[in-house]
Amino acid sequence: GGLYISKPLAKLLNKPHASIKVSFYRDSKKPNSKPIVDDKGLKWNKNDSYLFVDDLIDSGVTIKHLPKIVKNGEISTAVLFWKKDNQHKVKPTFYVNKKPEGYKSYFYYKRIVR
């Protein structure tokens, strides 16, 4: 959900862009307890800062796992929408708005942009 936000943001900030995929689902509808991470072999440098961008924080589980994925470097997060009462009590570093009632991820965002 963050790719369509992160690429223009990186360009605007004149920063390099890389994409990772974090999922808690493989083939079933039952989530895994650990994330499935595809970081395309990125090297996480200890002295670097990383801004992870996503469309929303709903449960907070993905952002909660970021330190386990990165292990090195400083982590910041930016999201369009943030569900304040998320399950893991995660607060993003930057956010546009609290999650609106009836938000349906990509489809809601598409209506806003058009």
PDB file of N, CA and C in Angstrom:
ATOM      1  N   GLY A   1       0.791  -1.204   0.000  1.00  0.00           N
ATOM      2  CA  GLY A   1       0.000   0.000   0.000  1.00  0.00           C
ATOM      3  C   GLY A   1       0.832   1.265   0.000  1.00  0.00           C
ATOM      4  N   GLY A   2       2.122   1.183   0.346  1.00  0.00           N
ATOM      5  CA  GLY A   2       2.909   2.394   0.465  1.00  0.00           C
ATOM      6  C   GLY A   2       3.667   2.803  -0.780  1.00  0.00           C
ATOM      7  N   LEU A   3       3.732   1.928  -1.773  1.00  0.00           N
ATOM      8  CA  LEU A   3       4.543   2.212  -2.948  1.00  0.00           C
ATOM      9  C   LEU A   3       4.061   3.438  -3.714  1.00  0.00           C
ATOM     10  N   TYR A   4       2.746   3.568  -3.878  1.00  0.00           N
ATOM     11  CA  TYR A   4       2.232   4.707  -4.636  1.00  0.00           C
ATOM     12  C   TYR A   4       2.395   6.027  -3.885  1.00  0.00           C
ATOM     13  N   ILE A   5       2.756   5.970  -2.625  1.00  0.00           N
ATOM     14  CA  ILE A   5       3.023   7.179  -1.838  1.00  0.00           C
ATOM     15  C   ILE A   5       4.532   7.407  -1.731  1.00  0.00           C
ATOM     16  N   SER A   6       5.289   6.335  -1.533  1.00  0.00           N
ATOM     17  CA  SER A   6       6.716   6.466  -1.242  1.00  0.00           C
ATOM     18  C   SER A   6       7.550   6.934  -2.435  1.00  0.00           C
ATOM     19  N   LYS A   7       7.222   6.476  -3.634  1.00  0.00           N
ATOM     20  CA  LYS A   7       8.017   6.886  -4.807  1.00  0.00           C
ATOM     21  C   LYS A   7       7.949   8.395  -5.037  1.00  0.00           C
ATOM     22  N   PRO A   8       6.762   9.019  -5.093  1.00  0.00           N
ATOM     23  CA  PRO A   8       6.724  10.474  -5.272  1.00  0.00           C
ATOM     24  C   PRO A   8       7.338  11.223  -4.089  1.00  0.00           C
ATOM     25  N   LEU A   9       7.183  10.677  -2.881  1.00  0.00           N
ATOM     26  CA  LEU A   9       7.761  11.318  -1.702  1.00  0.00           C
ATOM     27  C   LEU A   9       9.288  11.307  -1.774  1.00  0.00           C
ATOM     28  N   ALA A  10       9.873  10.195  -2.175  1.00  0.00           N
ATOM     29  CA  ALA A  10      11.333  10.108  -2.323  1.00  0.00           C
ATOM     30  C   ALA A  10      11.829  11.098  -3.374  1.00  0.00           C
ATOM     31  N   LYS A  11      11.094  11.195  -4.454  1.00  0.00           N
ATOM     32  CA  LYS A  11      11.475  12.135  -5.510  1.00  0.00           C
ATOM     33  C   LYS A  11      11.387  13.576  -4.999  1.00  0.00           C
ATOM     34  N   LEU A  12      10.327  13.893  -4.299  1.00  0.00           N
ATOM     35  CA  LEU A  12      10.141  15.227  -3.737  1.00  0.00           C
ATOM     36  C   LEU A  12      11.256  15.585  -2.752  1.00  0.00           C
ATOM     37  N   LEU A  13      11.654  14.621  -1.933  1.00  0.00           N
ATOM     38  CA  LEU A  13      12.701  14.841  -0.932  1.00  0.00           C
ATOM     39  C   LEU A  13      14.111  14.642  -1.488  1.00  0.00           C
ATOM     40  N   ASN A  14      14.190  14.251  -2.766  1.00  0.00           N
ATOM     41  CA  ASN A  14      15.465  13.994  -3.424  1.00  0.00           C
ATOM     42  C   ASN A  14      16.290  12.943  -2.657  1.00  0.00           C
ATOM     43  N   LYS A  15      15.616  11.848  -2.312  1.00  0.00           N
ATOM     44  CA  LYS A  15      16.229  10.746  -1.578  1.00  0.00           C
ATOM     45  C   LYS A  15      16.129   9.465  -2.389  1.00  0.00           C
ATOM     46  N   PRO A  16      17.035   8.519  -2.163  1.00  0.00           N
ATOM     47  CA  PRO A  16      16.928   7.232  -2.866  1.00  0.00           C
ATOM     48  C   PRO A  16      15.674   6.481  -2.415  1.00  0.00           C
ATOM     49  N   HIS A  17      15.157   5.647  -3.299  1.00  0.00           N
ATOM     50  CA  HIS A  17      13.945   4.890  -3.001  1.00  0.00           C
ATOM     51  C   HIS A  17      14.233   3.400  -3.134  1.00  0.00           C
ATOM     52  N   ALA A  18      13.752   2.629  -2.196  1.00  0.00           N
ATOM     53  CA  ALA A  18      13.806   1.169  -2.269  1.00  0.00           C
ATOM     54  C   ALA A  18      12.470   0.644  -1.771  1.00  0.00           C
ATOM     55  N   SER A  19      12.099  -0.506  -2.237  1.00  0.00           N
ATOM     56  CA  SER A  19      10.813  -1.074  -1.871  1.00  0.00           C
ATOM     57  C   SER A  19      11.016  -2.416  -1.176  1.00  0.00           C
ATOM     58  N   ILE A  20      10.277  -2.623  -0.101  1.00  0.00           N
ATOM     59  CA  ILE A  20      10.242  -3.940   0.533  1.00  0.00           C
ATOM     60  C   ILE A  20       8.787  -4.349   0.670  1.00  0.00           C
ATOM     61  N   LYS A  21       8.561  -5.631   0.721  1.00  0.00           N
ATOM     62  CA  LYS A  21       7.210  -6.147   0.908  1.00  0.00           C
ATOM     63  C   LYS A  21       7.178  -6.895   2.236  1.00  0.00           C
ATOM     64  N   VAL A  22       6.242  -6.521   3.076  1.00  0.00           N
ATOM     65  CA  VAL A  22       6.061  -7.192   4.360  1.00  0.00           C
ATOM     66  C   VAL A  22       4.638  -7.726   4.389  1.00  0.00           C
ATOM     67  N   SER A  23       4.504  -9.023   4.586  1.00  0.00           N
ATOM     68  CA  SER A  23       3.186  -9.640   4.596  1.00  0.00           C
ATOM     69  C   SER A  23       3.102 -10.645   5.734  1.00  0.00           C
ATOM     70  N   PHE A  24       1.928 -10.801   6.265  1.00  0.00           N
ATOM     71  CA  PHE A  24       1.696 -11.808   7.304  1.00  0.00           C
ATOM     72  C   PHE A  24       0.867 -12.968   6.768  1.00  0.00           C
ATOM     73  N   TYR A  25       0.642 -12.961   5.459  1.00  0.00           N
ATOM     74  CA  TYR A  25      -0.141 -14.021   4.827  1.00  0.00           C
ATOM     75  C   TYR A  25       0.679 -14.671   3.723  1.00  0.00           C
ATOM     76  N   ARG A  26       0.620 -15.989   3.646  1.00  0.00           N
ATOM     77  CA  ARG A  26       1.269 -16.680   2.536  1.00  0.00           C
ATOM     78  C   ARG A  26       0.181 -17.127   1.579  1.00  0.00           C
ATOM     79  N   ASP A  27      -0.363 -18.285   1.757  1.00  0.00           N
ATOM     80  CA  ASP A  27      -1.389 -18.793   0.845  1.00  0.00           C
ATOM     81  C   ASP A  27      -2.756 -18.903   1.502  1.00  0.00           C
ATOM     82  N   SER A  28      -2.794 -18.802   2.800  1.00  0.00           N
ATOM     83  CA  SER A  28      -4.067 -18.991   3.493  1.00  0.00           C
ATOM     84  C   SER A  28      -4.620 -17.651   3.966  1.00  0.00           C
ATOM     85  N   LYS A  29      -5.809 -17.712   4.498  1.00  0.00           N
ATOM     86  CA  LYS A  29      -6.424 -16.497   5.045  1.00  0.00           C
ATOM     87  C   LYS A  29      -6.054 -16.302   6.513  1.00  0.00           C
ATOM     88  N   LYS A  30      -5.364 -17.296   7.080  1.00  0.00           N
ATOM     89  CA  LYS A  30      -4.926 -17.210   8.468  1.00  0.00           C
ATOM     90  C   LYS A  30      -3.542 -16.559   8.509  1.00  0.00           C
ATOM     91  N   PRO A  31      -3.359 -15.480   9.279  1.00  0.00           N
ATOM     92  CA  PRO A  31      -2.065 -14.794   9.297  1.00  0.00           C
ATOM     93  C   PRO A  31      -0.977 -15.589  10.006  1.00  0.00           C
ATOM     94  N   ASN A  32       0.265 -15.405   9.569  1.00  0.00           N
ATOM     95  CA  ASN A  32       1.429 -15.969  10.254  1.00  0.00           C
ATOM     96  C   ASN A  32       1.749 -15.092  11.454  1.00  0.00           C
ATOM     97  N   SER A  33       2.441 -15.638  12.433  1.00  0.00           N
ATOM     98  CA  SER A  33       2.840 -14.837  13.591  1.00  0.00           C
ATOM     99  C   SER A  33       4.060 -13.975  13.275  1.00  0.00           C
ATOM    100  N   LYS A  34       4.884 -14.416  12.324  1.00  0.00           N
ATOM    101  CA  LYS A  34       6.058 -13.650  11.904  1.00  0.00           C
ATOM    102  C   LYS A  34       5.831 -13.153  10.482  1.00  0.00           C
ATOM    103  N   PRO A  35       6.355 -11.978  10.161  1.00  0.00           N
ATOM    104  CA  PRO A  35       6.155 -11.453   8.809  1.00  0.00           C
ATOM    105  C   PRO A  35       6.995 -12.175   7.766  1.00  0.00           C
ATOM    106  N   ILE A  36       6.485 -12.202   6.561  1.00  0.00           N
ATOM    107  CA  ILE A  36       7.225 -12.683   5.405  1.00  0.00           C
ATOM    108  C   ILE A  36       7.774 -11.423   4.754  1.00  0.00           C
ATOM    109  N   VAL A  37       9.098 -11.296   4.718  1.00  0.00           N
ATOM    110  CA  VAL A  37       9.735 -10.064   4.253  1.00  0.00           C
ATOM    111  C   VAL A  37      10.488 -10.314   2.959  1.00  0.00           C
ATOM    112  N   ASP A  38      10.202  -9.491   1.968  1.00  0.00           N
ATOM    113  CA  ASP A  38      10.969  -9.507   0.724  1.00  0.00           C
ATOM    114  C   ASP A  38      11.612  -8.132   0.605  1.00  0.00           C
ATOM    115  N   ASP A  39      12.878  -8.055   1.004  1.00  0.00           N
ATOM    116  CA  ASP A  39      13.590  -6.766   0.950  1.00  0.00           C
ATOM    117  C   ASP A  39      14.580  -6.714  -0.205  1.00  0.00           C
ATOM    118  N   LYS A  40      14.472  -7.675  -1.123  1.00  0.00           N
ATOM    119  CA  LYS A  40      15.291  -7.710  -2.333  1.00  0.00           C
ATOM    120  C   LYS A  40      16.783  -7.574  -2.047  1.00  0.00           C
ATOM    121  N   GLY A  41      17.218  -8.129  -0.909  1.00  0.00           N
ATOM    122  CA  GLY A  41      18.638  -8.143  -0.569  1.00  0.00           C
ATOM    123  C   GLY A  41      19.221  -6.802  -0.156  1.00  0.00           C
ATOM    124  N   LEU A  42      18.378  -5.890   0.311  1.00  0.00           N
ATOM    125  CA  LEU A  42      18.872  -4.578   0.738  1.00  0.00           C
ATOM    126  C   LEU A  42      19.838  -4.718   1.908  1.00  0.00           C
ATOM    127  N   LYS A  43      20.833  -3.867   1.940  1.00  0.00           N
ATOM    128  CA  LYS A  43      21.780  -3.820   3.065  1.00  0.00           C
ATOM    129  C   LYS A  43      21.330  -2.708   4.008  1.00  0.00           C
ATOM    130  N   TRP A  44      21.113  -3.049   5.261  1.00  0.00           N
ATOM    131  CA  TRP A  44      20.683  -2.074   6.260  1.00  0.00           C
ATOM    132  C   TRP A  44      21.925  -1.552   6.968  1.00  0.00           C
ATOM    133  N   ASN A  45      22.276  -0.309   6.751  1.00  0.00           N
ATOM    134  CA  ASN A  45      23.471   0.288   7.334  1.00  0.00           C
ATOM    135  C   ASN A  45      23.180   0.911   8.689  1.00  0.00           C
ATOM    136  N   LYS A  46      24.054   0.631   9.629  1.00  0.00           N
ATOM    137  CA  LYS A  46      23.873   1.049  11.017  1.00  0.00           C
ATOM    138  C   LYS A  46      23.706   2.561  11.185  1.00  0.00           C
ATOM    139  N   ASN A  47      24.432   3.356  10.421  1.00  0.00           N
ATOM    140  CA  ASN A  47      24.397   4.808  10.594  1.00  0.00           C
ATOM    141  C   ASN A  47      23.374   5.506   9.710  1.00  0.00           C
ATOM    142  N   ASP A  48      22.580   4.761   8.966  1.00  0.00           N
ATOM    143  CA  ASP A  48      21.587   5.364   8.075  1.00  0.00           C
ATOM    144  C   ASP A  48      20.242   5.519   8.765  1.00  0.00           C
ATOM    145  N   SER A  49      19.442   6.414   8.226  1.00  0.00           N
ATOM    146  CA  SER A  49      18.065   6.615   8.683  1.00  0.00           C
ATOM    147  C   SER A  49      17.127   6.105   7.601  1.00  0.00           C
ATOM    148  N   TYR A  50      16.047   5.473   8.013  1.00  0.00           N
ATOM    149  CA  TYR A  50      15.095   4.893   7.079  1.00  0.00           C
ATOM    150  C   TYR A  50      13.701   5.432   7.366  1.00  0.00           C
ATOM    151  N   LEU A  51      13.023   5.830   6.301  1.00  0.00           N
ATOM    152  CA  LEU A  51      11.634   6.265   6.405  1.00  0.00           C
ATOM    153  C   LEU A  51      10.782   5.214   5.707  1.00  0.00           C
ATOM    154  N   PHE A  52       9.948   4.523   6.480  1.00  0.00           N
ATOM    155  CA  PHE A  52       9.036   3.531   5.932  1.00  0.00           C
ATOM    156  C   PHE A  52       7.684   4.200   5.722  1.00  0.00           C
ATOM    157  N   VAL A  53       7.148   4.038   4.505  1.00  0.00           N
ATOM    158  CA  VAL A  53       5.908   4.705   4.123  1.00  0.00           C
ATOM    159  C   VAL A  53       4.852   3.654   3.815  1.00  0.00           C
ATOM    160  N   ASP A  54       3.650   3.866   4.339  1.00  0.00           N
ATOM    161  CA  ASP A  54       2.539   2.963   4.069  1.00  0.00           C
ATOM    162  C   ASP A  54       1.256   3.779   3.954  1.00  0.00           C
ATOM    163  N   ASP A  55       0.192   3.130   3.460  1.00  0.00           N
ATOM    164  CA  ASP A  55      -1.050   3.866   3.327  1.00  0.00           C
ATOM    165  C   ASP A  55      -1.737   4.069   4.681  1.00  0.00           C
ATOM    166  N   LEU A  56      -1.677   3.066   5.563  1.00  0.00           N
ATOM    167  CA  LEU A  56      -2.312   3.238   6.858  1.00  0.00           C
ATOM    168  C   LEU A  56      -1.720   2.310   7.910  1.00  0.00           C
ATOM    169  N   ILE A  57      -1.943   2.682   9.157  1.00  0.00           N
ATOM    170  CA  ILE A  57      -1.693   1.790  10.282  1.00  0.00           C
ATOM    171  C   ILE A  57      -3.065   1.372  10.766  1.00  0.00           C
ATOM    172  N   ASP A  58      -3.355   0.082  10.622  1.00  0.00           N
ATOM    173  CA  ASP A  58      -4.641  -0.435  11.070  1.00  0.00           C
ATOM    174  C   ASP A  58      -4.455  -1.176  12.398  1.00  0.00           C
ATOM    175  N   SER A  59      -3.770  -2.329  12.357  1.00  0.00           N
ATOM    176  CA  SER A  59      -3.511  -3.061  13.602  1.00  0.00           C
ATOM    177  C   SER A  59      -2.186  -2.631  14.228  1.00  0.00           C
ATOM    178  N   GLY A  60      -1.252  -2.141  13.397  1.00  0.00           N
ATOM    179  CA  GLY A  60       0.069  -1.741  13.885  1.00  0.00           C
ATOM    180  C   GLY A  60       1.098  -2.854  13.847  1.00  0.00           C
ATOM    181  N   VAL A  61       0.699  -4.047  13.431  1.00  0.00           N
ATOM    182  CA  VAL A  61       1.592  -5.202  13.493  1.00  0.00           C
ATOM    183  C   VAL A  61       2.797  -5.056  12.555  1.00  0.00           C
ATOM    184  N   THR A  62       2.619  -4.500  11.373  1.00  0.00           N
ATOM    185  CA  THR A  62       3.745  -4.356  10.440  1.00  0.00           C
ATOM    186  C   THR A  62       4.790  -3.406  11.001  1.00  0.00           C
ATOM    187  N   ILE A  63       4.359  -2.258  11.474  1.00  0.00           N
ATOM    188  CA  ILE A  63       5.298  -1.265  12.009  1.00  0.00           C
ATOM    189  C   ILE A  63       5.964  -1.777  13.279  1.00  0.00           C
ATOM    190  N   LYS A  64       5.251  -2.547  14.057  1.00  0.00           N
ATOM    191  CA  LYS A  64       5.825  -3.130  15.265  1.00  0.00           C
ATOM    192  C   LYS A  64       7.015  -4.038  14.931  1.00  0.00           C
ATOM    193  N   HIS A  65       6.979  -4.687  13.768  1.00  0.00           N
ATOM    194  CA  HIS A  65       8.046  -5.615  13.372  1.00  0.00           C
ATOM    195  C   HIS A  65       9.223  -4.952  12.663  1.00  0.00           C
ATOM    196  N   LEU A  66       9.140  -3.681  12.318  1.00  0.00           N
ATOM    197  CA  LEU A  66      10.229  -3.030  11.571  1.00  0.00           C
ATOM    198  C   LEU A  66      11.593  -3.135  12.247  1.00  0.00           C
ATOM    199  N   PRO A  67      11.718  -2.919  13.560  1.00  0.00           N
ATOM    200  CA  PRO A  67      13.047  -3.052  14.182  1.00  0.00           C
ATOM    201  C   PRO A  67      13.633  -4.457  14.040  1.00  0.00           C
ATOM    202  N   LYS A  68      12.798  -5.478  13.960  1.00  0.00           N
ATOM    203  CA  LYS A  68      13.289  -6.846  13.777  1.00  0.00           C
ATOM    204  C   LYS A  68      13.771  -7.064  12.344  1.00  0.00           C
ATOM    205  N   ILE A  69      13.211  -6.312  11.410  1.00  0.00           N
ATOM    206  CA  ILE A  69      13.597  -6.439  10.008  1.00  0.00           C
ATOM    207  C   ILE A  69      14.883  -5.657   9.739  1.00  0.00           C
ATOM    208  N   VAL A  70      14.943  -4.425  10.219  1.00  0.00           N
ATOM    209  CA  VAL A  70      16.063  -3.535   9.918  1.00  0.00           C
ATOM    210  C   VAL A  70      17.266  -3.831  10.796  1.00  0.00           C
ATOM    211  N   LYS A  71      17.081  -3.979  12.066  1.00  0.00           N
ATOM    212  CA  LYS A  71      18.122  -4.288  13.057  1.00  0.00           C
ATOM    213  C   LYS A  71      19.183  -3.203  13.202  1.00  0.00           C
ATOM    214  N   ASN A  72      19.465  -2.465  12.173  1.00  0.00           N
ATOM    215  CA  ASN A  72      20.448  -1.381  12.207  1.00  0.00           C
ATOM    216  C   ASN A  72      19.804  -0.111  11.671  1.00  0.00           C
ATOM    217  N   GLY A  73      20.284   1.018  12.140  1.00  0.00           N
ATOM    218  CA  GLY A  73      19.801   2.283  11.604  1.00  0.00           C
ATOM    219  C   GLY A  73      18.612   2.837  12.367  1.00  0.00           C
ATOM    220  N   GLU A  74      18.293   4.069  12.051  1.00  0.00           N
ATOM    221  CA  GLU A  74      17.188   4.779  12.688  1.00  0.00           C
ATOM    222  C   GLU A  74      15.934   4.624  11.834  1.00  0.00           C
ATOM    223  N   ILE A  75      14.801   4.314  12.463  1.00  0.00           N
ATOM    224  CA  ILE A  75      13.553   4.072  11.749  1.00  0.00           C
ATOM    225  C   ILE A  75      12.548   5.178  12.037  1.00  0.00           C
ATOM    226  N   SER A  76      11.972   5.733  10.966  1.00  0.00           N
ATOM    227  CA  SER A  76      10.833   6.646  11.063  1.00  0.00           C
ATOM    228  C   SER A  76       9.730   6.070  10.185  1.00  0.00           C
ATOM    229  N   THR A  77       8.490   6.439  10.475  1.00  0.00           N
ATOM    230  CA  THR A  77       7.361   5.930   9.704  1.00  0.00           C
ATOM    231  C   THR A  77       6.462   7.084   9.265  1.00  0.00           C
ATOM    232  N   ALA A  78       5.885   6.943   8.084  1.00  0.00           N
ATOM    233  CA  ALA A  78       4.939   7.926   7.560  1.00  0.00           C
ATOM    234  C   ALA A  78       3.762   7.177   6.946  1.00  0.00           C
ATOM    235  N   VAL A  79       2.556   7.603   7.276  1.00  0.00           N
ATOM    236  CA  VAL A  79       1.350   6.970   6.737  1.00  0.00           C
ATOM    237  C   VAL A  79       0.325   8.040   6.368  1.00  0.00           C
ATOM    238  N   LEU A  80      -0.558   7.678   5.446  1.00  0.00           N
ATOM    239  CA  LEU A  80      -1.668   8.571   5.145  1.00  0.00           C
ATOM    240  C   LEU A  80      -2.652   8.587   6.302  1.00  0.00           C
ATOM    241  N   PHE A  81      -3.062   7.392   6.718  1.00  0.00           N
ATOM    242  CA  PHE A  81      -4.071   7.287   7.769  1.00  0.00           C
ATOM    243  C   PHE A  81      -3.557   6.438   8.923  1.00  0.00           C
ATOM    244  N   TRP A  82      -3.980   6.810  10.105  1.00  0.00           N
ATOM    245  CA  TRP A  82      -3.544   6.142  11.325  1.00  0.00           C
ATOM    246  C   TRP A  82      -4.761   5.840  12.179  1.00  0.00           C
ATOM    247  N   LYS A  83      -4.952   4.568  12.471  1.00  0.00           N
ATOM    248  CA  LYS A  83      -6.017   4.147  13.388  1.00  0.00           C
ATOM    249  C   LYS A  83      -5.455   4.285  14.797  1.00  0.00           C
ATOM    250  N   LYS A  84      -5.854   5.347  15.476  1.00  0.00           N
ATOM    251  CA  LYS A  84      -5.263   5.693  16.773  1.00  0.00           C
ATOM    252  C   LYS A  84      -5.401   4.572  17.800  1.00  0.00           C
ATOM    253  N   ASP A  85      -6.510   3.872  17.789  1.00  0.00           N
ATOM    254  CA  ASP A  85      -6.728   2.797  18.765  1.00  0.00           C
ATOM    255  C   ASP A  85      -6.305   1.435  18.204  1.00  0.00           C
ATOM    256  N   ASN A  86      -5.172   1.412  17.467  1.00  0.00           N
ATOM    257  CA  ASN A  86      -4.705   0.155  16.876  1.00  0.00           C
ATOM    258  C   ASN A  86      -4.285  -0.834  17.960  1.00  0.00           C
ATOM    259  N   GLN A  87      -4.347  -2.086  17.602  1.00  0.00           N
ATOM    260  CA  GLN A  87      -4.107  -3.209  18.516  1.00  0.00           C
ATOM    261  C   GLN A  87      -2.749  -3.130  19.222  1.00  0.00           C
ATOM    262  N   HIS A  88      -1.714  -2.685  18.541  1.00  0.00           N
ATOM    263  CA  HIS A  88      -0.362  -2.684  19.108  1.00  0.00           C
ATOM    264  C   HIS A  88       0.073  -1.323  19.645  1.00  0.00           C
ATOM    265  N   LYS A  89      -0.851  -0.372  19.703  1.00  0.00           N
ATOM    266  CA  LYS A  89      -0.582   0.964  20.266  1.00  0.00           C
ATOM    267  C   LYS A  89       0.596   1.651  19.572  1.00  0.00           C
ATOM    268  N   VAL A  90       0.686   1.483  18.259  1.00  0.00           N
ATOM    269  CA  VAL A  90       1.765   2.052  17.464  1.00  0.00           C
ATOM    270  C   VAL A  90       1.357   3.440  16.976  1.00  0.00           C
ATOM    271  N   LYS A  91       2.278   4.398  17.085  1.00  0.00           N
ATOM    272  CA  LYS A  91       2.034   5.736  16.560  1.00  0.00           C
ATOM    273  C   LYS A  91       3.095   6.036  15.507  1.00  0.00           C
ATOM    274  N   PRO A  92       2.668   6.477  14.312  1.00  0.00           N
ATOM    275  CA  PRO A  92       3.653   6.785  13.268  1.00  0.00           C
ATOM    276  C   PRO A  92       4.412   8.068  13.592  1.00  0.00           C
ATOM    277  N   THR A  93       5.578   8.214  13.002  1.00  0.00           N
ATOM    278  CA  THR A  93       6.352   9.441  13.153  1.00  0.00           C
ATOM    279  C   THR A  93       5.627  10.589  12.468  1.00  0.00           C
ATOM    280  N   PHE A  94       5.103  10.321  11.271  1.00  0.00           N
ATOM    281  CA  PHE A  94       4.355  11.310  10.489  1.00  0.00           C
ATOM    282  C   PHE A  94       3.066  10.676   9.993  1.00  0.00           C
ATOM    283  N   TYR A  95       1.977  11.434   9.998  1.00  0.00           N
ATOM    284  CA  TYR A  95       0.727  10.947   9.424  1.00  0.00           C
ATOM    285  C   TYR A  95      -0.084  12.126   8.913  1.00  0.00           C
ATOM    286  N   VAL A  96      -0.953  11.839   7.951  1.00  0.00           N
ATOM    287  CA  VAL A  96      -1.791  12.884   7.377  1.00  0.00           C
ATOM    288  C   VAL A  96      -3.049  13.069   8.202  1.00  0.00           C
ATOM    289  N   ASN A  97      -3.704  11.972   8.561  1.00  0.00           N
ATOM    290  CA  ASN A  97      -4.967  12.065   9.266  1.00  0.00           C
ATOM    291  C   ASN A  97      -5.243  10.766  10.011  1.00  0.00           C
ATOM    292  N   LYS A  98      -6.120  10.847  10.974  1.00  0.00           N
ATOM    293  CA  LYS A  98      -6.599   9.640  11.635  1.00  0.00           C
ATOM    294  C   LYS A  98      -7.440   8.864  10.618  1.00  0.00           C
ATOM    295  N   LYS A  99      -7.542   7.566  10.783  1.00  0.00           N
ATOM    296  CA  LYS A  99      -8.270   6.719   9.841  1.00  0.00           C
ATOM    297  C   LYS A  99      -9.741   7.136   9.784  1.00  0.00           C
ATOM    298  N   PRO A 100     -10.244   7.504   8.586  1.00  0.00           N
ATOM    299  CA  PRO A 100     -11.644   7.900   8.469  1.00  0.00           C
ATOM    300  C   PRO A 100     -12.586   6.702   8.568  1.00  0.00           C
ATOM    301  N   GLU A 101     -13.787   6.951   9.021  1.00  0.00           N
ATOM    302  CA  GLU A 101     -14.807   5.906   9.119  1.00  0.00           C
ATOM    303  C   GLU A 101     -15.070   5.336   7.730  1.00  0.00           C
ATOM    304  N   GLY A 102     -15.127   4.027   7.614  1.00  0.00           N
ATOM    305  CA  GLY A 102     -15.434   3.383   6.345  1.00  0.00           C
ATOM    306  C   GLY A 102     -14.268   3.287   5.388  1.00  0.00           C
ATOM    307  N   TYR A 103     -13.052   3.509   5.870  1.00  0.00           N
ATOM    308  CA  TYR A 103     -11.866   3.450   5.011  1.00  0.00           C
ATOM    309  C   TYR A 103     -11.702   2.056   4.440  1.00  0.00           C
ATOM    310  N   LYS A 104     -11.513   1.962   3.132  1.00  0.00           N
ATOM    311  CA  LYS A 104     -11.322   0.669   2.466  1.00  0.00           C
ATOM    312  C   LYS A 104     -10.022   0.661   1.684  1.00  0.00           C
ATOM    313  N   SER A 105      -8.924   1.044   2.316  1.00  0.00           N
ATOM    314  CA  SER A 105      -7.579   1.017   1.754  1.00  0.00           C
ATOM    315  C   SER A 105      -7.479   1.680   0.390  1.00  0.00           C
ATOM    316  N   TYR A 106      -6.954   0.975  -0.605  1.00  0.00           N
ATOM    317  CA  TYR A 106      -6.636   1.531  -1.910  1.00  0.00           C
ATOM    318  C   TYR A 106      -7.838   2.221  -2.565  1.00  0.00           C
ATOM    319  N   PHE A 107      -9.021   1.640  -2.440  1.00  0.00           N
ATOM    320  CA  PHE A 107     -10.185   2.184  -3.119  1.00  0.00           C
ATOM    321  C   PHE A 107     -10.570   3.544  -2.554  1.00  0.00           C
ATOM    322  N   TYR A 108     -10.446   3.711  -1.274  1.00  0.00           N
ATOM    323  CA  TYR A 108     -10.739   5.018  -0.649  1.00  0.00           C
ATOM    324  C   TYR A 108      -9.728   6.056  -1.117  1.00  0.00           C
ATOM    325  N   TYR A 109      -8.459   5.698  -1.130  1.00  0.00           N
ATOM    326  CA  TYR A 109      -7.418   6.613  -1.554  1.00  0.00           C
ATOM    327  C   TYR A 109      -7.636   7.050  -2.994  1.00  0.00           C
ATOM    328  N   LYS A 110      -8.011   6.120  -3.851  1.00  0.00           N
ATOM    329  CA  LYS A 110      -8.238   6.428  -5.252  1.00  0.00           C
ATOM    330  C   LYS A 110      -9.341   7.475  -5.410  1.00  0.00           C
ATOM    331  N   ARG A 111     -10.380   7.392  -4.599  1.00  0.00           N
ATOM    332  CA  ARG A 111     -11.461   8.378  -4.672  1.00  0.00           C
ATOM    333  C   ARG A 111     -10.968   9.757  -4.253  1.00  0.00           C
ATOM    334  N   ILE A 112     -10.083   9.830  -3.263  1.00  0.00           N
ATOM    335  CA  ILE A 112      -9.565  11.113  -2.790  1.00  0.00           C
ATOM    336  C   ILE A 112      -8.713  11.771  -3.869  1.00  0.00           C
ATOM    337  N   VAL A 113      -7.869  11.005  -4.517  1.00  0.00           N
ATOM    338  CA  VAL A 113      -6.923  11.544  -5.488  1.00  0.00           C
ATOM    339  C   VAL A 113      -7.631  12.047  -6.744  1.00  0.00           C
ATOM    340  N   ARG A 114      -8.636  11.380  -7.177  1.00  0.00           N
ATOM    341  CA  ARG A 114      -9.325  11.767  -8.416  1.00  0.00           C
ATOM    342  C   ARG A 114     -10.066  13.007  -8.199  1.00  0.00           C
TER     343      ARG A 114
END
